[in-house]
């Protein structure tokens, strides 16, 4: 039981089996590339990306530093029309 208290203390909230739910996830769309889906607001976030936006997802689901997110958006290849 001590481990459940520790998980709640660490910010995981409801303890259940499996991984904690991630707010931002990348989904591949045919002909569009990669899009970022916001599970909390139930809508797309940002633009389409040519390659999987791994570093951007880590920052969005982690510390959420605005300056770092802006820099990662500039560095990630976006889908041009």
Foldseek 3Di string as FASTA:
>chain_A
DVVVVVCVVVPLNDDDPDDRDFQWDWDQDVPAAIWIAGNVVGGTDDAHFNHDLVVLSCCVRPDVDPVVNVVSVVVTHGDDD
